[in-house]
Amino acid sequence: MVAIQRRVAAACAAAGVKAPSRASLYNAFSTLKGHTYPIASLPPGAVAALYNLDPAGVIPGRQLAFYCFNYGGLSALGFAAAMPWLDLYQASRLRGWRPRSRGLLRAVLRVRGI
């Protein structure tokens, strides 16, 4: 996040406009579209966590991370922990987390500096 804020501030300075605050950037990240993943291309552990979705479909990254942390096994957790930071950040803003699953996600976010 610090690196992104620096890049945005440098671009704003070059354009002669005021740089947005960190809170403004986080608010923008909540509204971005994010990544999507074809379910059939995911590892078996992640597919197993998506127990109620059609394997021929596509899933948003935030929802994939949510399912992997809440309903997945160890391989799904490992896959989700390595997902892009935007997907993890957006997943952290979703409702319906189990307390232990949210704790795992928070640990991953902290270790990765998100």
PDB file of N, CA and C in Angstrom:
ATOM      1  N   MET A   1       0.815  -1.186   0.000  1.00  0.00           N
ATOM      2  CA  MET A   1       0.000   0.000   0.000  1.00  0.00           C
ATOM      3  C   MET A   1       0.863   1.257   0.000  1.00  0.00           C
ATOM      4  N   VAL A   2       1.954   1.217   0.740  1.00  0.00           N
ATOM      5  CA  VAL A   2       2.844   2.379   0.800  1.00  0.00           C
ATOM      6  C   VAL A   2       3.431   2.659  -0.581  1.00  0.00           C
ATOM      7  N   ALA A   3       3.824   1.596  -1.284  1.00  0.00           N
ATOM      8  CA  ALA A   3       4.394   1.780  -2.622  1.00  0.00           C
ATOM      9  C   ALA A   3       3.356   2.349  -3.588  1.00  0.00           C
ATOM     10  N   ILE A   4       2.130   1.900  -3.481  1.00  0.00           N
ATOM     11  CA  ILE A   4       1.067   2.416  -4.348  1.00  0.00           C
ATOM     12  C   ILE A   4       0.817   3.880  -4.048  1.00  0.00           C
ATOM     13  N   GLN A   5       0.764   4.214  -2.779  1.00  0.00           N
ATOM     14  CA  GLN A   5       0.520   5.604  -2.401  1.00  0.00           C
ATOM     15  C   GLN A   5       1.648   6.505  -2.910  1.00  0.00           C
ATOM     16  N   ARG A   6       2.874   6.033  -2.851  1.00  0.00           N
ATOM     17  CA  ARG A   6       3.997   6.827  -3.362  1.00  0.00           C
ATOM     18  C   ARG A   6       3.877   7.047  -4.861  1.00  0.00           C
ATOM     19  N   ARG A   7       3.511   5.990  -5.585  1.00  0.00           N
ATOM     20  CA  ARG A   7       3.374   6.119  -7.043  1.00  0.00           C
ATOM     21  C   ARG A   7       2.252   7.074  -7.416  1.00  0.00           C
ATOM     22  N   VAL A   8       1.139   6.983  -6.701  1.00  0.00           N
ATOM     23  CA  VAL A   8       0.019   7.883  -6.967  1.00  0.00           C
ATOM     24  C   VAL A   8       0.417   9.313  -6.636  1.00  0.00           C
ATOM     25  N   ALA A   9       1.105   9.518  -5.525  1.00  0.00           N
ATOM     26  CA  ALA A   9       1.537  10.861  -5.126  1.00  0.00           C
ATOM     27  C   ALA A   9       2.505  11.443  -6.155  1.00  0.00           C
ATOM     28  N   ALA A  10       3.407  10.612  -6.681  1.00  0.00           N
ATOM     29  CA  ALA A  10       4.348  11.093  -7.693  1.00  0.00           C
ATOM     30  C   ALA A  10       3.618  11.479  -8.972  1.00  0.00           C
ATOM     31  N   ALA A  11       2.642  10.663  -9.372  1.00  0.00           N
ATOM     32  CA  ALA A  11       1.871  10.985 -10.569  1.00  0.00           C
ATOM     33  C   ALA A  11       1.053  12.261 -10.373  1.00  0.00           C
ATOM     34  N   CYS A  12       0.498  12.424  -9.197  1.00  0.00           N
ATOM     35  CA  CYS A  12      -0.277  13.637  -8.902  1.00  0.00           C
ATOM     36  C   CYS A  12       0.621  14.861  -8.882  1.00  0.00           C
ATOM     37  N   ALA A  13       1.816  14.727  -8.312  1.00  0.00           N
ATOM     38  CA  ALA A  13       2.752  15.855  -8.276  1.00  0.00           C
ATOM     39  C   ALA A  13       3.165  16.249  -9.688  1.00  0.00           C
ATOM     40  N   ALA A  14       3.379  15.263 -10.544  1.00  0.00           N
ATOM     41  CA  ALA A  14       3.751  15.557 -11.930  1.00  0.00           C
ATOM     42  C   ALA A  14       2.613  16.248 -12.673  1.00  0.00           C
ATOM     43  N   ALA A  15       1.382  15.916 -12.310  1.00  0.00           N
ATOM     44  CA  ALA A  15       0.217  16.527 -12.952  1.00  0.00           C
ATOM     45  C   ALA A  15      -0.190  17.837 -12.282  1.00  0.00           C
ATOM     46  N   GLY A  16       0.408  18.144 -11.138  1.00  0.00           N
ATOM     47  CA  GLY A  16       0.109  19.379 -10.439  1.00  0.00           C
ATOM     48  C   GLY A  16      -1.199  19.359  -9.663  1.00  0.00           C
ATOM     49  N   VAL A  17      -1.604  18.170  -9.213  1.00  0.00           N
ATOM     50  CA  VAL A  17      -2.828  18.063  -8.420  1.00  0.00           C
ATOM     51  C   VAL A  17      -2.491  17.481  -7.044  1.00  0.00           C
ATOM     52  N   LYS A  18      -3.396  17.684  -6.118  1.00  0.00           N
ATOM     53  CA  LYS A  18      -3.193  17.180  -4.765  1.00  0.00           C
ATOM     54  C   LYS A  18      -3.371  15.661  -4.739  1.00  0.00           C
ATOM     55  N   ALA A  19      -2.460  14.974  -4.056  1.00  0.00           N
ATOM     56  CA  ALA A  19      -2.531  13.512  -3.954  1.00  0.00           C
ATOM     57  C   ALA A  19      -3.649  13.102  -2.994  1.00  0.00           C
ATOM     58  N   PRO A  20      -4.336  11.998  -3.294  1.00  0.00           N
ATOM     59  CA  PRO A  20      -5.394  11.530  -2.385  1.00  0.00           C
ATOM     60  C   PRO A  20      -4.791  10.941  -1.108  1.00  0.00           C
ATOM     61  N   SER A  21      -5.586  10.933  -0.064  1.00  0.00           N
ATOM     62  CA  SER A  21      -5.131  10.356   1.200  1.00  0.00           C
ATOM     63  C   SER A  21      -5.155   8.834   1.103  1.00  0.00           C
ATOM     64  N   ARG A  22      -4.534   8.187   2.072  1.00  0.00           N
ATOM     65  CA  ARG A  22      -4.540   6.725   2.116  1.00  0.00           C
ATOM     66  C   ARG A  22      -5.965   6.199   2.268  1.00  0.00           C
ATOM     67  N   ALA A  23      -6.774   6.871   3.070  1.00  0.00           N
ATOM     68  CA  ALA A  23      -8.167   6.447   3.246  1.00  0.00           C
ATOM     69  C   ALA A  23      -8.932   6.520   1.931  1.00  0.00           C
ATOM     70  N   SER A  24      -8.669   7.537   1.130  1.00  0.00           N
ATOM     71  CA  SER A  24      -9.332   7.649  -0.175  1.00  0.00           C
ATOM     72  C   SER A  24      -8.923   6.504  -1.094  1.00  0.00           C
ATOM     73  N   LEU A  25      -7.662   6.126  -1.038  1.00  0.00           N
ATOM     74  CA  LEU A  25      -7.209   4.996  -1.854  1.00  0.00           C
ATOM     75  C   LEU A  25      -7.882   3.696  -1.418  1.00  0.00           C
ATOM     76  N   TYR A  26      -7.963   3.471  -0.110  1.00  0.00           N
ATOM     77  CA  TYR A  26      -8.632   2.263   0.374  1.00  0.00           C
ATOM     78  C   TYR A  26     -10.102   2.247  -0.031  1.00  0.00           C
ATOM     79  N   ASN A  27     -10.766   3.400   0.019  1.00  0.00           N
ATOM     80  CA  ASN A  27     -12.161   3.460  -0.425  1.00  0.00           C
ATOM     81  C   ASN A  27     -12.276   3.128  -1.907  1.00  0.00           C
ATOM     82  N   ALA A  28     -11.321   3.575  -2.701  1.00  0.00           N
ATOM     83  CA  ALA A  28     -11.329   3.258  -4.131  1.00  0.00           C
ATOM     84  C   ALA A  28     -11.105   1.763  -4.358  1.00  0.00           C
ATOM     85  N   PHE A  29     -10.240   1.155  -3.559  1.00  0.00           N
ATOM     86  CA  PHE A  29      -9.971  -0.272  -3.719  1.00  0.00           C
ATOM     87  C   PHE A  29     -11.210  -1.115  -3.446  1.00  0.00           C
ATOM     88  N   SER A  30     -12.075  -0.632  -2.586  1.00  0.00           N
ATOM     89  CA  SER A  30     -13.303  -1.363  -2.272  1.00  0.00           C
ATOM     90  C   SER A  30     -14.263  -1.385  -3.452  1.00  0.00           C
ATOM     91  N   THR A  31     -14.142  -0.423  -4.348  1.00  0.00           N
ATOM     92  CA  THR A  31     -15.077  -0.329  -5.469  1.00  0.00           C
ATOM     93  C   THR A  31     -14.530  -0.891  -6.777  1.00  0.00           C
ATOM     94  N   LEU A  32     -13.253  -1.248  -6.822  1.00  0.00           N
ATOM     95  CA  LEU A  32     -12.677  -1.796  -8.052  1.00  0.00           C
ATOM     96  C   LEU A  32     -13.286  -3.155  -8.383  1.00  0.00           C
ATOM     97  N   LYS A  33     -13.294  -3.481  -9.662  1.00  0.00           N
ATOM     98  CA  LYS A  33     -13.892  -4.738 -10.110  1.00  0.00           C
ATOM     99  C   LYS A  33     -13.123  -5.954  -9.602  1.00  0.00           C
ATOM    100  N   GLY A  34     -11.823  -5.910  -9.595  1.00  0.00           N
ATOM    101  CA  GLY A  34     -11.029  -7.040  -9.105  1.00  0.00           C
ATOM    102  C   GLY A  34     -10.850  -8.114 -10.165  1.00  0.00           C
ATOM    103  N   HIS A  35     -10.264  -9.216  -9.749  1.00  0.00           N
ATOM    104  CA  HIS A  35      -9.974 -10.327 -10.649  1.00  0.00           C
ATOM    105  C   HIS A  35     -11.146 -11.299 -10.703  1.00  0.00           C
ATOM    106  N   THR A  36     -11.199 -12.067 -11.785  1.00  0.00           N
ATOM    107  CA  THR A  36     -12.158 -13.174 -11.891  1.00  0.00           C
ATOM    108  C   THR A  36     -11.373 -14.422 -12.274  1.00  0.00           C
ATOM    109  N   TYR A  37     -11.884 -15.578 -11.849  1.00  0.00           N
ATOM    110  CA  TYR A  37     -11.196 -16.835 -12.070  1.00  0.00           C
ATOM    111  C   TYR A  37     -12.167 -17.870 -12.633  1.00  0.00           C
ATOM    112  N   PRO A  38     -11.799 -18.558 -13.724  1.00  0.00           N
ATOM    113  CA  PRO A  38     -12.616 -19.686 -14.175  1.00  0.00           C
ATOM    114  C   PRO A  38     -12.485 -20.818 -13.156  1.00  0.00           C
ATOM    115  N   ILE A  39     -13.594 -21.330 -12.697  1.00  0.00           N
ATOM    116  CA  ILE A  39     -13.570 -22.344 -11.639  1.00  0.00           C
ATOM    117  C   ILE A  39     -12.839 -23.595 -12.090  1.00  0.00           C
ATOM    118  N   ALA A  40     -12.994 -23.971 -13.353  1.00  0.00           N
ATOM    119  CA  ALA A  40     -12.356 -25.193 -13.855  1.00  0.00           C
ATOM    120  C   ALA A  40     -10.835 -25.117 -13.842  1.00  0.00           C
ATOM    121  N   SER A  41     -10.263 -23.901 -13.829  1.00  0.00           N
ATOM    122  CA  SER A  41      -8.801 -23.761 -13.858  1.00  0.00           C
ATOM    123  C   SER A  41      -8.179 -23.693 -12.465  1.00  0.00           C
ATOM    124  N   LEU A  42      -8.998 -23.746 -11.435  1.00  0.00           N
ATOM    125  CA  LEU A  42      -8.493 -23.641 -10.066  1.00  0.00           C
ATOM    126  C   LEU A  42      -7.954 -24.978  -9.574  1.00  0.00           C
ATOM    127  N   PRO A  43      -7.084 -24.967  -8.563  1.00  0.00           N
ATOM    128  CA  PRO A  43      -6.595 -26.223  -7.987  1.00  0.00           C
ATOM    129  C   PRO A  43      -7.735 -27.002  -7.333  1.00  0.00           C
ATOM    130  N   PRO A  44      -7.593 -28.317  -7.219  1.00  0.00           N
ATOM    131  CA  PRO A  44      -8.678 -29.148  -6.661  1.00  0.00           C
ATOM    132  C   PRO A  44      -9.150 -28.722  -5.276  1.00  0.00           C
ATOM    133  N   GLY A  45      -8.255 -28.282  -4.421  1.00  0.00           N
ATOM    134  CA  GLY A  45      -8.659 -27.850  -3.080  1.00  0.00           C
ATOM    135  C   GLY A  45      -9.571 -26.641  -3.114  1.00  0.00           C
ATOM    136  N   ALA A  46      -9.265 -25.699  -4.004  1.00  0.00           N
ATOM    137  CA  ALA A  46     -10.101 -24.509  -4.125  1.00  0.00           C
ATOM    138  C   ALA A  46     -11.455 -24.857  -4.740  1.00  0.00           C
ATOM    139  N   VAL A  47     -11.467 -25.754  -5.712  1.00  0.00           N
ATOM    140  CA  VAL A  47     -12.736 -26.186  -6.322  1.00  0.00           C
ATOM    141  C   VAL A  47     -13.607 -26.882  -5.288  1.00  0.00           C
ATOM    142  N   ALA A  48     -13.002 -27.672  -4.416  1.00  0.00           N
ATOM    143  CA  ALA A  48     -13.769 -28.359  -3.370  1.00  0.00           C
ATOM    144  C   ALA A  48     -14.390 -27.359  -2.398  1.00  0.00           C
ATOM    145  N   ALA A  49     -13.730 -26.239  -2.164  1.00  0.00           N
ATOM    146  CA  ALA A  49     -14.289 -25.217  -1.275  1.00  0.00           C
ATOM    147  C   ALA A  49     -15.505 -24.536  -1.894  1.00  0.00           C
ATOM    148  N   LEU A  50     -15.576 -24.561  -3.205  1.00  0.00           N
ATOM    149  CA  LEU A  50     -16.705 -23.960  -3.922  1.00  0.00           C
ATOM    150  C   LEU A  50     -17.782 -25.011  -4.141  1.00  0.00           C
ATOM    151  N   TYR A  51     -18.198 -25.633  -3.071  1.00  0.00           N
ATOM    152  CA  TYR A  51     -19.056 -26.813  -3.117  1.00  0.00           C
ATOM    153  C   TYR A  51     -20.405 -26.575  -3.788  1.00  0.00           C
ATOM    154  N   ASN A  52     -20.900 -25.380  -3.812  1.00  0.00           N
ATOM    155  CA  ASN A  52     -22.232 -25.149  -4.358  1.00  0.00           C
ATOM    156  C   ASN A  52     -22.221 -24.375  -5.677  1.00  0.00           C
ATOM    157  N   LEU A  53     -21.067 -24.260  -6.319  1.00  0.00           N
ATOM    158  CA  LEU A  53     -20.976 -23.532  -7.578  1.00  0.00           C
ATOM    159  C   LEU A  53     -20.668 -24.473  -8.733  1.00  0.00           C
ATOM    160  N   ASP A  54     -21.176 -24.140  -9.900  1.00  0.00           N
ATOM    161  CA  ASP A  54     -20.960 -24.932 -11.101  1.00  0.00           C
ATOM    162  C   ASP A  54     -19.504 -24.807 -11.545  1.00  0.00           C
ATOM    163  N   PRO A  55     -18.816 -25.919 -11.774  1.00  0.00           N
ATOM    164  CA  PRO A  55     -17.408 -25.866 -12.193  1.00  0.00           C
ATOM    165  C   PRO A  55     -17.183 -25.170 -13.532  1.00  0.00           C
ATOM    166  N   ALA A  56     -18.234 -24.979 -14.319  1.00  0.00           N
ATOM    167  CA  ALA A  56     -18.087 -24.313 -15.613  1.00  0.00           C
ATOM    168  C   ALA A  56     -18.165 -22.792 -15.485  1.00  0.00           C
ATOM    169  N   GLY A  57     -18.404 -22.278 -14.296  1.00  0.00           N
ATOM    170  CA  GLY A  57     -18.601 -20.846 -14.103  1.00  0.00           C
ATOM    171  C   GLY A  57     -17.317 -20.082 -13.853  1.00  0.00           C
ATOM    172  N   VAL A  58     -17.509 -18.804 -13.565  1.00  0.00           N
ATOM    173  CA  VAL A  58     -16.431 -17.877 -13.243  1.00  0.00           C
ATOM    174  C   VAL A  58     -16.770 -17.257 -11.893  1.00  0.00           C
ATOM    175  N   ILE A  59     -15.749 -17.023 -11.065  1.00  0.00           N
ATOM    176  CA  ILE A  59     -15.983 -16.489  -9.728  1.00  0.00           C
ATOM    177  C   ILE A  59     -15.104 -15.261  -9.488  1.00  0.00           C
ATOM    178  N   PRO A  60     -15.658 -14.222  -8.865  1.00  0.00           N
ATOM    179  CA  PRO A  60     -14.824 -13.064  -8.500  1.00  0.00           C
ATOM    180  C   PRO A  60     -13.787 -13.453  -7.447  1.00  0.00           C
ATOM    181  N   GLY A  61     -12.645 -12.802  -7.488  1.00  0.00           N
ATOM    182  CA  GLY A  61     -11.557 -13.117  -6.566  1.00  0.00           C
ATOM    183  C   GLY A  61     -11.922 -12.968  -5.109  1.00  0.00           C
ATOM    184  N   ARG A  62     -12.673 -11.931  -4.761  1.00  0.00           N
ATOM    185  CA  ARG A  62     -13.050 -11.718  -3.355  1.00  0.00           C
ATOM    186  C   ARG A  62     -13.911 -12.863  -2.845  1.00  0.00           C
ATOM    187  N   GLN A  63     -14.817 -13.360  -3.692  1.00  0.00           N
ATOM    188  CA  GLN A  63     -15.679 -14.468  -3.286  1.00  0.00           C
ATOM    189  C   GLN A  63     -14.880 -15.769  -3.204  1.00  0.00           C
ATOM    190  N   LEU A  64     -13.928 -15.956  -4.111  1.00  0.00           N
ATOM    191  CA  LEU A  64     -13.079 -17.139  -4.068  1.00  0.00           C
ATOM    192  C   LEU A  64     -12.270 -17.184  -2.784  1.00  0.00           C
ATOM    193  N   ALA A  65     -11.682 -16.056  -2.407  1.00  0.00           N
ATOM    194  CA  ALA A  65     -10.921 -16.008  -1.156  1.00  0.00           C
ATOM    195  C   ALA A  65     -11.822 -16.300   0.030  1.00  0.00           C
ATOM    196  N   PHE A  66     -13.024 -15.733   0.032  1.00  0.00           N
ATOM    197  CA  PHE A  66     -13.985 -15.960   1.108  1.00  0.00           C
ATOM    198  C   PHE A  66     -14.310 -17.450   1.246  1.00  0.00           C
ATOM    199  N   TYR A  67     -14.615 -18.104   0.148  1.00  0.00           N
ATOM    200  CA  TYR A  67     -14.950 -19.527   0.188  1.00  0.00           C
ATOM    201  C   TYR A  67     -13.753 -20.367   0.628  1.00  0.00           C
ATOM    202  N   CYS A  68     -12.579 -20.058   0.108  1.00  0.00           N
ATOM    203  CA  CYS A  68     -11.392 -20.848   0.461  1.00  0.00           C
ATOM    204  C   CYS A  68     -11.077 -20.752   1.951  1.00  0.00           C
ATOM    205  N   PHE A  69     -11.160 -19.552   2.509  1.00  0.00           N
ATOM    206  CA  PHE A  69     -10.869 -19.392   3.932  1.00  0.00           C
ATOM    207  C   PHE A  69     -11.965 -19.980   4.812  1.00  0.00           C
ATOM    208  N   ASN A  70     -13.217 -19.833   4.423  1.00  0.00           N
ATOM    209  CA  ASN A  70     -14.326 -20.296   5.259  1.00  0.00           C
ATOM    210  C   ASN A  70     -14.609 -21.793   5.130  1.00  0.00           C
ATOM    211  N   TYR A  71     -14.490 -22.340   3.922  1.00  0.00           N
ATOM    212  CA  TYR A  71     -14.943 -23.708   3.681  1.00  0.00           C
ATOM    213  C   TYR A  71     -13.863 -24.640   3.142  1.00  0.00           C
ATOM    214  N   GLY A  72     -12.680 -24.121   2.875  1.00  0.00           N
ATOM    215  CA  GLY A  72     -11.642 -24.923   2.244  1.00  0.00           C
ATOM    216  C   GLY A  72     -10.732 -25.633   3.225  1.00  0.00           C
ATOM    217  N   GLY A  73     -10.038 -26.607   2.695  1.00  0.00           N
ATOM    218  CA  GLY A  73      -9.031 -27.321   3.459  1.00  0.00           C
ATOM    219  C   GLY A  73      -7.704 -26.589   3.399  1.00  0.00           C
ATOM    220  N   LEU A  74      -6.665 -27.279   3.809  1.00  0.00           N
ATOM    221  CA  LEU A  74      -5.340 -26.667   3.886  1.00  0.00           C
ATOM    222  C   LEU A  74      -4.833 -26.209   2.515  1.00  0.00           C
ATOM    223  N   SER A  75      -5.071 -26.990   1.472  1.00  0.00           N
ATOM    224  CA  SER A  75      -4.608 -26.588   0.141  1.00  0.00           C
ATOM    225  C   SER A  75      -5.370 -25.361  -0.355  1.00  0.00           C
ATOM    226  N   ALA A  76      -6.648 -25.265  -0.042  1.00  0.00           N
ATOM    227  CA  ALA A  76      -7.431 -24.081  -0.430  1.00  0.00           C
ATOM    228  C   ALA A  76      -6.949 -22.848   0.331  1.00  0.00           C
ATOM    229  N   LEU A  77      -6.619 -23.019   1.599  1.00  0.00           N
ATOM    230  CA  LEU A  77      -6.091 -21.903   2.384  1.00  0.00           C
ATOM    231  C   LEU A  77      -4.765 -21.398   1.812  1.00  0.00           C
ATOM    232  N   GLY A  78      -3.908 -22.339   1.439  1.00  0.00           N
ATOM    233  CA  GLY A  78      -2.633 -21.959   0.846  1.00  0.00           C
ATOM    234  C   GLY A  78      -2.806 -21.216  -0.466  1.00  0.00           C
ATOM    235  N   PHE A  79      -3.745 -21.692  -1.280  1.00  0.00           N
ATOM    236  CA  PHE A  79      -4.027 -21.011  -2.544  1.00  0.00           C
ATOM    237  C   PHE A  79      -4.551 -19.605  -2.289  1.00  0.00           C
ATOM    238  N   ALA A  80      -5.503 -19.483  -1.378  1.00  0.00           N
ATOM    239  CA  ALA A  80      -6.106 -18.179  -1.090  1.00  0.00           C
ATOM    240  C   ALA A  80      -5.093 -17.209  -0.497  1.00  0.00           C
ATOM    241  N   ALA A  81      -4.192 -17.694   0.333  1.00  0.00           N
ATOM    242  CA  ALA A  81      -3.198 -16.817   0.954  1.00  0.00           C
ATOM    243  C   ALA A  81      -2.258 -16.203  -0.076  1.00  0.00           C
ATOM    244  N   ALA A  82      -2.107 -16.855  -1.221  1.00  0.00           N
ATOM    245  CA  ALA A  82      -1.217 -16.362  -2.269  1.00  0.00           C
ATOM    246  C   ALA A  82      -1.951 -15.551  -3.341  1.00  0.00           C
ATOM    247  N   MET A  83      -3.238 -15.315  -3.155  1.00  0.00           N
ATOM    248  CA  MET A  83      -4.007 -14.555  -4.137  1.00  0.00           C
ATOM    249  C   MET A  83      -3.554 -13.092  -4.149  1.00  0.00           C
ATOM    250  N   PRO A  84      -3.872 -12.362  -5.231  1.00  0.00           N
ATOM    251  CA  PRO A  84      -3.504 -10.946  -5.286  1.00  0.00           C
ATOM    252  C   PRO A  84      -4.085 -10.159  -4.120  1.00  0.00           C
ATOM    253  N   TRP A  85      -3.353  -9.141  -3.702  1.00  0.00           N
ATOM    254  CA  TRP A  85      -3.736  -8.394  -2.503  1.00  0.00           C
ATOM    255  C   TRP A  85      -5.096  -7.727  -2.641  1.00  0.00           C
ATOM    256  N   LEU A  86      -5.483  -7.308  -3.841  1.00  0.00           N
ATOM    257  CA  LEU A  86      -6.782  -6.656  -4.008  1.00  0.00           C
ATOM    258  C   LEU A  86      -7.917  -7.623  -3.687  1.00  0.00           C
ATOM    259  N   ASP A  87      -7.785  -8.870  -4.127  1.00  0.00           N
ATOM    260  CA  ASP A  87      -8.817  -9.874  -3.839  1.00  0.00           C
ATOM    261  C   ASP A  87      -8.933 -10.120  -2.334  1.00  0.00           C
ATOM    262  N   LEU A  88      -7.796 -10.207  -1.665  1.00  0.00           N
ATOM    263  CA  LEU A  88      -7.816 -10.436  -0.220  1.00  0.00           C
ATOM    264  C   LEU A  88      -8.397  -9.233   0.519  1.00  0.00           C
ATOM    265  N   TYR A  89      -8.026  -8.037   0.102  1.00  0.00           N
ATOM    266  CA  TYR A  89      -8.560  -6.842   0.754  1.00  0.00           C
ATOM    267  C   TYR A  89     -10.075  -6.772   0.574  1.00  0.00           C
ATOM    268  N   GLN A  90     -10.547  -7.000  -0.648  1.00  0.00           N
ATOM    269  CA  GLN A  90     -11.986  -6.946  -0.891  1.00  0.00           C
ATOM    270  C   GLN A  90     -12.714  -8.062  -0.150  1.00  0.00           C
ATOM    271  N   ALA A  91     -12.101  -9.225  -0.040  1.00  0.00           N
ATOM    272  CA  ALA A  91     -12.721 -10.324   0.716  1.00  0.00           C
ATOM    273  C   ALA A  91     -12.842  -9.963   2.189  1.00  0.00           C
ATOM    274  N   SER A  92     -11.871  -9.244   2.709  1.00  0.00           N
ATOM    275  CA  SER A  92     -11.920  -8.873   4.123  1.00  0.00           C
ATOM    276  C   SER A  92     -13.079  -7.939   4.428  1.00  0.00           C
ATOM    277  N   ARG A  93     -13.616  -7.282   3.426  1.00  0.00           N
ATOM    278  CA  ARG A  93     -14.728  -6.356   3.610  1.00  0.00           C
ATOM    279  C   ARG A  93     -16.103  -7.034   3.494  1.00  0.00           C
ATOM    280  N   LEU A  94     -16.125  -8.322   3.107  1.00  0.00           N
ATOM    281  CA  LEU A  94     -17.386  -9.042   2.962  1.00  0.00           C
ATOM    282  C   LEU A  94     -17.958  -9.420   4.323  1.00  0.00           C
ATOM    283  N   ARG A  95     -19.268  -9.632   4.364  1.00  0.00           N
ATOM    284  CA  ARG A  95     -19.943 -10.093   5.577  1.00  0.00           C
ATOM    285  C   ARG A  95     -20.038 -11.617   5.566  1.00  0.00           C
ATOM    286  N   GLY A  96     -20.269 -12.174   6.746  1.00  0.00           N
ATOM    287  CA  GLY A  96     -20.517 -13.604   6.852  1.00  0.00           C
ATOM    288  C   GLY A  96     -19.320 -14.458   7.218  1.00  0.00           C
ATOM    289  N   TRP A  97     -18.237 -13.846   7.634  1.00  0.00           N
ATOM    290  CA  TRP A  97     -17.032 -14.595   7.988  1.00  0.00           C
ATOM    291  C   TRP A  97     -17.233 -15.376   9.280  1.00  0.00           C
ATOM    292  N   ARG A  98     -16.686 -16.575   9.310  1.00  0.00           N
ATOM    293  CA  ARG A  98     -16.575 -17.321  10.566  1.00  0.00           C
ATOM    294  C   ARG A  98     -15.419 -16.705  11.347  1.00  0.00           C
ATOM    295  N   PRO A  99     -15.522 -16.654  12.673  1.00  0.00           N
ATOM    296  CA  PRO A  99     -14.473 -15.969  13.451  1.00  0.00           C
ATOM    297  C   PRO A  99     -13.057 -16.512  13.212  1.00  0.00           C
ATOM    298  N   ARG A 100     -12.883 -17.811  13.187  1.00  0.00           N
ATOM    299  CA  ARG A 100     -11.527 -18.360  12.989  1.00  0.00           C
ATOM    300  C   ARG A 100     -11.035 -18.120  11.569  1.00  0.00           C
ATOM    301  N   SER A 101     -11.943 -18.185  10.617  1.00  0.00           N
ATOM    302  CA  SER A 101     -11.555 -17.929   9.230  1.00  0.00           C
ATOM    303  C   SER A 101     -11.134 -16.481   9.046  1.00  0.00           C
ATOM    304  N   ARG A 102     -11.862 -15.561   9.659  1.00  0.00           N
ATOM    305  CA  ARG A 102     -11.480 -14.151   9.596  1.00  0.00           C
ATOM    306  C   ARG A 102     -10.124 -13.934  10.259  1.00  0.00           C
ATOM    307  N   GLY A 103      -9.860 -14.655  11.341  1.00  0.00           N
ATOM    308  CA  GLY A 103      -8.560 -14.556  11.995  1.00  0.00           C
ATOM    309  C   GLY A 103      -7.424 -15.007  11.090  1.00  0.00           C
ATOM    310  N   LEU A 104      -7.645 -16.085  10.352  1.00  0.00           N
ATOM    311  CA  LEU A 104      -6.634 -16.541   9.385  1.00  0.00           C
ATOM    312  C   LEU A 104      -6.408 -15.508   8.295  1.00  0.00           C
ATOM    313  N   LEU A 105      -7.500 -14.943   7.787  1.00  0.00           N
ATOM    314  CA  LEU A 105      -7.365 -13.915   6.757  1.00  0.00           C
ATOM    315  C   LEU A 105      -6.607 -12.710   7.294  1.00  0.00           C
ATOM    316  N   ARG A 106      -6.940 -12.276   8.489  1.00  0.00           N
ATOM    317  CA  ARG A 106      -6.228 -11.126   9.081  1.00  0.00           C
ATOM    318  C   ARG A 106      -4.747 -11.413   9.259  1.00  0.00           C
ATOM    319  N   ALA A 107      -4.414 -12.641   9.622  1.00  0.00           N
ATOM    320  CA  ALA A 107      -2.999 -13.010   9.759  1.00  0.00           C
ATOM    321  C   ALA A 107      -2.290 -12.928   8.409  1.00  0.00           C
ATOM    322  N   VAL A 108      -2.944 -13.414   7.356  1.00  0.00           N
ATOM    323  CA  VAL A 108      -2.360 -13.341   6.020  1.00  0.00           C
ATOM    324  C   VAL A 108      -2.198 -11.885   5.601  1.00  0.00           C
ATOM    325  N   LEU A 109      -3.205 -11.070   5.828  1.00  0.00           N
ATOM    326  CA  LEU A 109      -3.126  -9.655   5.473  1.00  0.00           C
ATOM    327  C   LEU A 109      -1.975  -8.967   6.217  1.00  0.00           C
ATOM    328  N   ARG A 110      -1.820  -9.296   7.475  1.00  0.00           N
ATOM    329  CA  ARG A 110      -0.755  -8.667   8.271  1.00  0.00           C
ATOM    330  C   ARG A 110       0.630  -9.102   7.776  1.00  0.00           C
ATOM    331  N   VAL A 111       0.797 -10.401   7.519  1.00  0.00           N
ATOM    332  CA  VAL A 111       2.093 -10.894   7.060  1.00  0.00           C
ATOM    333  C   VAL A 111       2.454 -10.300   5.698  1.00  0.00           C
ATOM    334  N   ARG A 112       1.456 -10.155   4.837  1.00  0.00           N
ATOM    335  CA  ARG A 112       1.708  -9.619   3.503  1.00  0.00           C
ATOM    336  C   ARG A 112       1.714  -8.092   3.459  1.00  0.00           C
ATOM    337  N   GLY A 113       1.421  -7.444   4.590  1.00  0.00           N
ATOM    338  CA  GLY A 113       1.465  -5.991   4.651  1.00  0.00           C
ATOM    339  C   GLY A 113       0.299  -5.312   3.956  1.00  0.00           C
ATOM    340  N   ILE A 114      -0.855  -5.972   3.965  1.00  0.00           N
ATOM    341  CA  ILE A 114      -2.041  -5.433   3.299  1.00  0.00           C
ATOM    342  C   ILE A 114      -2.916  -4.745   4.336  1.00  0.00           C
TER     343      ILE A 114
END
